[in-house]
Amino acid sequence: MSRIKKVIKRMKVKNELARQIMGEVLGTFVLLLFGCAAAAQVKTSRETKGQFLSVNMAFSIGVMCAMYLCRAVSGAHLNPAVSLSFCVLGDLAWIKLLPYSLAQILGAYLASGLVYFIYHDAIMEFSGGVLTVFGPNETASIFVTYPTDVVSVQTSFLDQVVGTAMLMLCILPLNDKRNAPAPEALLPPIVGTVVLGISMSMSANCGAAINPARDLGPRLFIFTAGWGTEVFTCYDYFFWIPLVAPMVGGVLGSIIYLVFIQWHLPEPEDESDEDSFVMVYRWHQNYFYILYISVYISEFVFFTEEERRVRANDREYN
């Protein structure tokens, strides 16, 4: 064995979770590098070198490339909402949810940093040297999503829930052998097309983040890079919506697929009744746990503090 092969063998990571984390970091890095770089080009050129569609297409191409890059290593989740949904479905161990999510956020953070350095001169020229969140020369939207002035908190939350639910509803059948799965090699471009469709149809309200890592990673970067605390406090602390709503939406889309489609598909010949029972029982345990959390999240979003207090008193009285 040559010396180079020996070095490669020694450097090979043996731990499966470590390999998966590396894959998610690099995959999410590639996704955000495509998307945020396109946003920077469009913004700093004042739309002379691209338009809003350019950003949508860049994110979609980023999804495709990232999936080709790391799917064999980590499954190419690239999104904590996807990872949570797979945990609920029993396709990912719950103990891996936090490492996966942190890896995705780290990848997004690093990609945002690289985009900032690549476009630093253009950003400074566009903003007049002042990094702001508001105004005609704001540059925070290069990296993160914000709502339009006319959109309420409730609408923003619903927007992100529906967008992420659509994502899961459309990608789950692609890899379901009991349905009509797509060829393995075509999964990345098909998923990229799904993301493009969601971006083109659901970006007007608040940017179609549909991915907590895609928003939180860049938001943490611009917070540390000089944009200040306004990146979290602006628009009535909007930052929590692309962080929480996609998690709810991902689980909701997965449940809809199971209840309306997957449970009614023909049983495969090689699946025993016992295996089927274990799968359904495990999913039901996760389902009621997620449902319990979702009820309380919905109360926080859709009811005022006084209404929540009244409902809590009613529950205690009853």
Protein backbone atom coordinates (compact mmCIF):
# COMPACT_ATOMS: atom_id res chain seq x y z
CA MET A 1 0.00 0.00 0.00
CA SER A 2 1.38 3.39 -0.99
CA ARG A 3 2.13 6.05 1.60
CA ILE A 4 -0.73 8.23 0.35
CA LYS A 5 -3.25 5.41 0.75
CA LYS A 6 -1.99 4.76 4.27
CA VAL A 7 -2.47 8.42 5.17
CA ILE A 8 -5.99 8.40 3.71
CA LYS A 9 -6.84 5.25 5.64
CA ARG A 10 -5.64 6.80 8.90
CA MET A 11 -7.60 10.00 8.26
CA LYS A 12 -10.83 8.16 7.53
CA VAL A 13 -13.45 8.96 10.17
CA LYS A 14 -14.69 5.74 11.74
CA ASN A 15 -17.55 7.17 13.80
CA GLU A 16 -20.81 7.16 11.83
CA LEU A 17 -22.33 10.20 13.56
CA ALA A 18 -19.14 12.21 13.03
CA ARG A 19 -19.28 11.43 9.30
CA GLN A 20 -22.92 12.43 9.18
CA ILE A 21 -22.21 15.71 10.95
CA MET A 22 -19.42 16.48 8.49
CA GLY A 23 -21.77 15.75 5.62
CA GLU A 24 -24.52 18.02 6.97
CA VAL A 25 -22.08 20.86 7.65
CA LEU A 26 -20.65 20.75 4.14
CA GLY A 27 -23.99 20.14 2.44
CA THR A 28 -25.71 23.06 4.18
CA PHE A 29 -22.63 25.18 3.50
CA VAL A 30 -22.97 24.56 -0.24
CA LEU A 31 -26.72 25.24 -0.16
CA LEU A 32 -26.32 28.60 1.60
CA LEU A 33 -23.29 29.59 -0.45
CA PHE A 34 -25.33 29.36 -3.64
CA GLY A 35 -28.37 31.13 -2.20
CA CYS A 36 -26.80 33.94 -0.19
CA ALA A 37 -24.23 34.70 -2.88
CA ALA A 38 -27.03 35.09 -5.41
CA ALA A 39 -28.91 37.36 -3.00
CA ALA A 40 -25.78 39.46 -2.51
CA GLN A 41 -25.27 39.79 -6.25
CA VAL A 42 -28.87 40.85 -6.86
CA LYS A 43 -28.98 43.28 -3.94
CA THR A 44 -25.62 45.01 -4.40
CA SER A 45 -26.05 45.35 -8.17
CA ARG A 46 -29.50 46.90 -7.59
CA GLU A 47 -31.00 44.11 -9.72
CA THR A 48 -28.85 44.86 -12.76
CA LYS A 49 -27.17 41.44 -12.41
CA GLY A 50 -30.11 39.26 -11.52
CA GLN A 51 -33.57 39.46 -10.03
CA PHE A 52 -35.58 37.78 -7.27
CA LEU A 53 -36.02 34.69 -9.44
CA SER A 54 -32.23 34.40 -9.59
CA VAL A 55 -32.13 33.91 -5.82
CA ASN A 56 -34.89 31.29 -5.94
CA MET A 57 -33.08 29.36 -8.65
CA ALA A 58 -29.73 29.60 -6.86
CA PHE A 59 -31.16 28.12 -3.66
CA SER A 60 -32.77 25.32 -5.67
CA ILE A 61 -29.52 24.53 -7.47
CA GLY A 62 -27.79 24.64 -4.10
CA VAL A 63 -30.21 22.02 -2.78
CA MET A 64 -29.52 19.78 -5.76
CA CYS A 65 -25.73 20.08 -5.50
CA ALA A 66 -25.74 19.62 -1.73
CA MET A 67 -27.82 16.46 -2.04
CA TYR A 68 -25.49 14.97 -4.62
CA LEU A 69 -22.59 15.90 -2.36
CA CYS A 70 -23.63 14.38 0.98
CA ARG A 71 -26.71 12.20 0.51
CA ALA A 72 -24.73 8.95 0.72
CA VAL A 73 -23.08 10.10 3.94
CA SER A 74 -25.79 11.79 5.99
CA GLY A 75 -29.00 11.58 3.96
CA ALA A 76 -28.67 15.26 2.98
CA HIS A 77 -31.31 16.62 5.33
CA LEU A 78 -29.83 20.16 5.17
CA ASN A 79 -32.75 21.33 7.30
CA PRO A 80 -33.65 20.76 10.99
CA ALA A 81 -37.33 20.58 10.01
CA VAL A 82 -36.55 17.65 7.72
CA SER A 83 -34.47 15.97 10.44
CA LEU A 84 -37.28 16.40 12.98
CA SER A 85 -39.80 14.97 10.54
CA PHE A 86 -37.62 11.92 9.95
CA CYS A 87 -37.31 11.47 13.71
CA VAL A 88 -41.10 11.52 14.02
CA LEU A 89 -41.38 9.03 11.16
CA GLY A 90 -38.80 6.76 12.78
CA ASP A 91 -36.22 7.17 10.01
CA LEU A 92 -33.70 9.03 12.19
CA ALA A 93 -32.77 8.33 15.80
CA TRP A 94 -33.94 11.09 18.13
CA ILE A 95 -30.47 11.27 19.67
CA LYS A 96 -29.16 12.50 16.31
CA LEU A 97 -31.61 15.39 15.97
CA LEU A 98 -29.57 17.93 17.93
CA PRO A 99 -26.19 17.07 16.31
CA TYR A 100 -27.78 17.20 12.85
CA SER A 101 -29.45 20.54 13.57
CA LEU A 102 -26.31 22.12 15.02
CA ALA A 103 -24.28 20.88 12.05
CA GLN A 104 -26.75 22.43 9.63
CA ILE A 105 -26.71 25.75 11.50
CA LEU A 106 -22.91 25.72 11.53
CA GLY A 107 -22.76 25.08 7.79
CA ALA A 108 -25.15 27.97 7.15
CA TYR A 109 -23.12 30.24 9.45
CA LEU A 110 -19.85 29.46 7.67
CA ALA A 111 -21.38 29.94 4.22
CA SER A 112 -22.75 33.34 5.24
CA GLY A 113 -19.30 34.35 6.43
CA LEU A 114 -17.73 33.40 3.12
CA VAL A 115 -20.40 35.27 1.15
CA TYR A 116 -19.79 38.33 3.32
CA PHE A 117 -16.06 38.29 2.58
CA ILE A 118 -16.60 37.67 -1.14
CA TYR A 119 -19.06 40.56 -1.43
CA HIS A 120 -17.62 42.76 1.33
CA ASP A 121 -16.63 45.63 -0.96
CA ALA A 122 -19.95 45.58 -2.81
CA ILE A 123 -21.92 45.44 0.46
CA MET A 124 -20.02 48.40 1.88
CA GLU A 125 -20.48 50.43 -1.29
CA PHE A 126 -24.19 49.64 -1.44
CA SER A 127 -24.82 50.41 2.24
CA GLY A 128 -22.55 53.44 2.47
CA GLY A 129 -20.47 51.62 5.06
CA VAL A 130 -23.37 51.27 7.50
CA LEU A 131 -24.70 47.76 8.08
CA THR A 132 -28.43 48.12 8.69
CA VAL A 133 -31.60 46.04 8.86
CA PHE A 134 -34.05 48.77 7.79
CA GLY A 135 -34.13 51.31 4.99
CA PRO A 136 -33.43 51.46 1.25
CA ASN A 137 -29.77 50.51 1.73
CA GLU A 138 -30.29 47.66 4.19
CA THR A 139 -28.19 44.57 3.56
CA ALA A 140 -29.42 42.13 6.23
CA SER A 141 -31.91 40.63 3.76
CA ILE A 142 -28.97 39.30 1.75
CA PHE A 143 -28.56 36.69 4.46
CA VAL A 144 -31.86 36.31 6.35
CA THR A 145 -35.60 36.53 5.78
CA TYR A 146 -37.96 39.26 6.97
CA PRO A 147 -41.70 39.83 6.52
CA THR A 148 -43.24 42.62 4.49
CA ASP A 149 -44.71 45.51 6.47
CA VAL A 150 -48.32 44.42 5.91
CA VAL A 151 -47.93 40.80 7.09
CA SER A 152 -49.00 39.91 10.64
CA VAL A 153 -47.28 37.47 12.98
CA GLN A 154 -50.09 34.96 12.52
CA THR A 155 -49.86 35.12 8.73
CA SER A 156 -46.08 34.80 8.82
CA PHE A 157 -46.32 31.73 11.05
CA LEU A 158 -48.97 30.14 8.84
CA ASP A 159 -46.91 30.96 5.73
CA GLN A 160 -43.88 29.08 7.07
CA VAL A 161 -45.95 26.15 8.34
CA VAL A 162 -47.65 25.67 4.96
CA GLY A 163 -44.43 26.10 2.99
CA THR A 164 -42.54 23.50 5.01
CA ALA A 165 -45.53 21.14 5.07
CA MET A 166 -45.58 21.32 1.28
CA LEU A 167 -41.87 20.53 1.21
CA MET A 168 -42.28 17.33 3.24
CA LEU A 169 -45.52 16.36 1.52
CA CYS A 170 -43.78 16.53 -1.86
CA ILE A 171 -40.45 14.88 -1.01
CA LEU A 172 -41.63 11.95 1.13
CA PRO A 173 -43.19 9.99 -1.77
CA LEU A 174 -39.98 10.37 -3.79
CA ASN A 175 -38.20 7.85 -1.57
CA ASP A 176 -41.18 5.71 -0.55
CA LYS A 177 -40.78 2.26 -2.10
CA ARG A 178 -44.46 1.50 -1.47
CA ASN A 179 -45.47 4.50 -3.57
CA ALA A 180 -43.90 5.51 -6.90
CA PRO A 181 -40.32 6.41 -5.91
CA ALA A 182 -38.08 8.46 -8.14
CA PRO A 183 -34.82 6.99 -9.46
CA GLU A 184 -32.01 7.51 -6.95
CA ALA A 185 -29.94 9.64 -9.31
CA LEU A 186 -32.87 11.97 -10.02
CA LEU A 187 -33.83 12.67 -6.41
CA PRO A 188 -31.62 15.79 -6.01
CA PRO A 189 -32.93 17.67 -9.08
CA ILE A 190 -36.53 16.73 -8.26
CA VAL A 191 -36.19 17.99 -4.67
CA GLY A 192 -34.50 21.11 -6.02
CA THR A 193 -37.47 21.66 -8.31
CA VAL A 194 -39.86 21.28 -5.36
CA VAL A 195 -37.90 23.93 -3.45
CA LEU A 196 -37.99 26.18 -6.52
CA GLY A 197 -41.76 25.83 -6.77
CA ILE A 198 -42.24 26.71 -3.10
CA SER A 199 -39.86 29.67 -3.39
CA MET A 200 -41.60 31.02 -6.49
CA SER A 201 -45.08 30.75 -4.96
CA MET A 202 -44.58 31.46 -1.24
CA SER A 203 -41.83 34.08 -0.94
CA ALA A 204 -43.90 37.27 -0.96
CA ASN A 205 -44.92 37.25 2.71
CA CYS A 206 -41.66 36.54 4.48
CA GLY A 207 -39.09 35.04 2.15
CA ALA A 208 -39.90 31.30 2.20
CA ALA A 209 -37.16 30.27 4.60
CA ILE A 210 -38.82 26.85 5.28
CA ASN A 211 -35.55 25.92 6.99
CA PRO A 212 -34.51 27.00 10.51
CA ALA A 213 -30.81 26.51 9.74
CA ARG A 214 -31.06 28.57 6.54
CA ASP A 215 -32.27 31.53 8.63
CA LEU A 216 -30.68 31.11 12.06
CA GLY A 217 -27.14 30.38 10.84
CA PRO A 218 -26.90 33.54 8.70
CA ARG A 219 -28.72 35.55 11.38
CA LEU A 220 -26.12 34.57 13.96
CA PHE A 221 -23.39 35.53 11.52
CA ILE A 222 -24.69 39.00 10.72
CA PHE A 223 -25.26 39.54 14.44
CA THR A 224 -21.56 38.90 15.06
CA ALA A 225 -20.43 40.72 11.90
CA GLY A 226 -21.75 44.16 12.81
CA TRP A 227 -25.47 44.34 12.06
CA GLY A 228 -26.24 44.36 15.78
CA THR A 229 -29.13 43.13 17.89
CA GLU A 230 -31.70 44.52 15.44
CA VAL A 231 -31.34 41.32 13.42
CA PHE A 232 -33.28 39.64 16.25
CA THR A 233 -35.51 42.45 17.54
CA CYS A 234 -36.77 43.94 14.29
CA TYR A 235 -40.31 43.31 13.04
CA ASP A 236 -41.51 42.42 16.56
CA TYR A 237 -38.87 39.74 17.10
CA PHE A 238 -39.70 38.00 13.84
CA PHE A 239 -36.62 35.75 14.09
CA TRP A 240 -38.45 33.02 16.03
CA ILE A 241 -40.98 32.39 13.26
CA PRO A 242 -38.58 30.86 10.67
CA LEU A 243 -37.08 28.98 13.59
CA VAL A 244 -40.25 27.38 15.00
CA ALA A 245 -42.89 27.40 12.25
CA PRO A 246 -40.93 25.18 9.79
CA MET A 247 -40.52 22.56 12.52
CA VAL A 248 -44.29 22.47 12.98
CA GLY A 249 -44.89 22.50 9.23
CA GLY A 250 -42.46 19.68 8.54
CA VAL A 251 -44.17 17.39 11.04
CA LEU A 252 -47.60 18.44 9.78
CA GLY A 253 -46.69 17.65 6.16
CA SER A 254 -45.33 14.26 7.21
CA ILE A 255 -48.52 13.44 9.12
CA ILE A 256 -50.67 14.45 6.16
CA TYR A 257 -48.66 12.17 3.87
CA LEU A 258 -49.00 9.24 6.26
CA VAL A 259 -52.72 9.66 6.93
CA PHE A 260 -53.85 10.42 3.38
CA ILE A 261 -51.40 8.36 1.31
CA GLN A 262 -48.87 6.06 2.97
CA TRP A 263 -51.19 4.10 5.24
CA HIS A 264 -53.39 3.20 2.28
CA LEU A 265 -50.67 1.84 -0.01
CA PRO A 266 -50.40 -1.92 -0.64
CA GLU A 267 -48.30 -3.78 1.91
CA PRO A 268 -44.97 -5.00 0.50
CA GLU A 269 -44.66 -8.76 0.30
CA ASP A 270 -41.50 -8.89 2.41
CA GLU A 271 -42.91 -6.83 5.31
CA SER A 272 -44.29 -8.90 8.17
CA ASP A 273 -47.32 -7.90 10.22
CA GLU A 274 -45.09 -7.58 13.28
CA ASP A 275 -42.75 -5.12 11.55
CA SER A 276 -45.72 -3.09 10.36
CA PHE A 277 -47.19 -3.02 13.88
CA VAL A 278 -43.91 -1.88 15.42
CA MET A 279 -43.57 0.92 12.85
CA VAL A 280 -47.13 2.19 13.42
CA TYR A 281 -46.83 1.94 17.22
CA ARG A 282 -43.55 3.86 17.25
CA TRP A 283 -45.00 6.56 15.01
CA HIS A 284 -48.10 6.94 17.21
CA GLN A 285 -45.91 7.54 20.27
CA ASN A 286 -44.11 10.34 18.44
CA TYR A 287 -47.36 11.68 16.98
CA PHE A 288 -49.07 12.35 20.32
CA TYR A 289 -45.92 13.94 21.72
CA ILE A 290 -45.66 16.33 18.76
CA LEU A 291 -49.41 17.04 18.84
CA TYR A 292 -49.16 18.07 22.50
CA ILE A 293 -46.36 20.54 21.72
CA SER A 294 -48.15 21.89 18.64
CA VAL A 295 -51.28 22.75 20.63
CA TYR A 296 -49.31 24.96 22.97
CA ILE A 297 -47.37 26.60 20.13
CA SER A 298 -50.61 27.40 18.32
CA GLU A 299 -52.03 28.95 21.49
CA PHE A 300 -49.00 31.22 21.74
CA VAL A 301 -49.24 32.31 18.10
CA PHE A 302 -52.96 32.69 17.54
CA PHE A 303 -54.22 33.87 20.96
CA THR A 304 -53.48 37.01 22.94
CA GLU A 305 -52.01 36.82 26.43
CA GLU A 306 -55.42 37.47 28.00
CA GLU A 307 -57.08 34.77 25.88
CA ARG A 308 -54.35 32.28 26.82
CA ARG A 309 -54.88 33.07 30.51
CA VAL A 310 -58.63 32.48 30.20
CA ARG A 311 -58.08 29.16 28.38
CA ALA A 312 -55.59 28.05 31.04
CA ASN A 313 -58.07 28.88 33.80
CA ASP A 314 -60.80 26.95 31.97
CA ARG A 315 -58.57 23.88 31.72
CA GLU A 316 -57.70 24.09 35.42
CA TYR A 317 -61.38 24.53 36.38
CA ASN A 318 -62.50 21.62 34.22
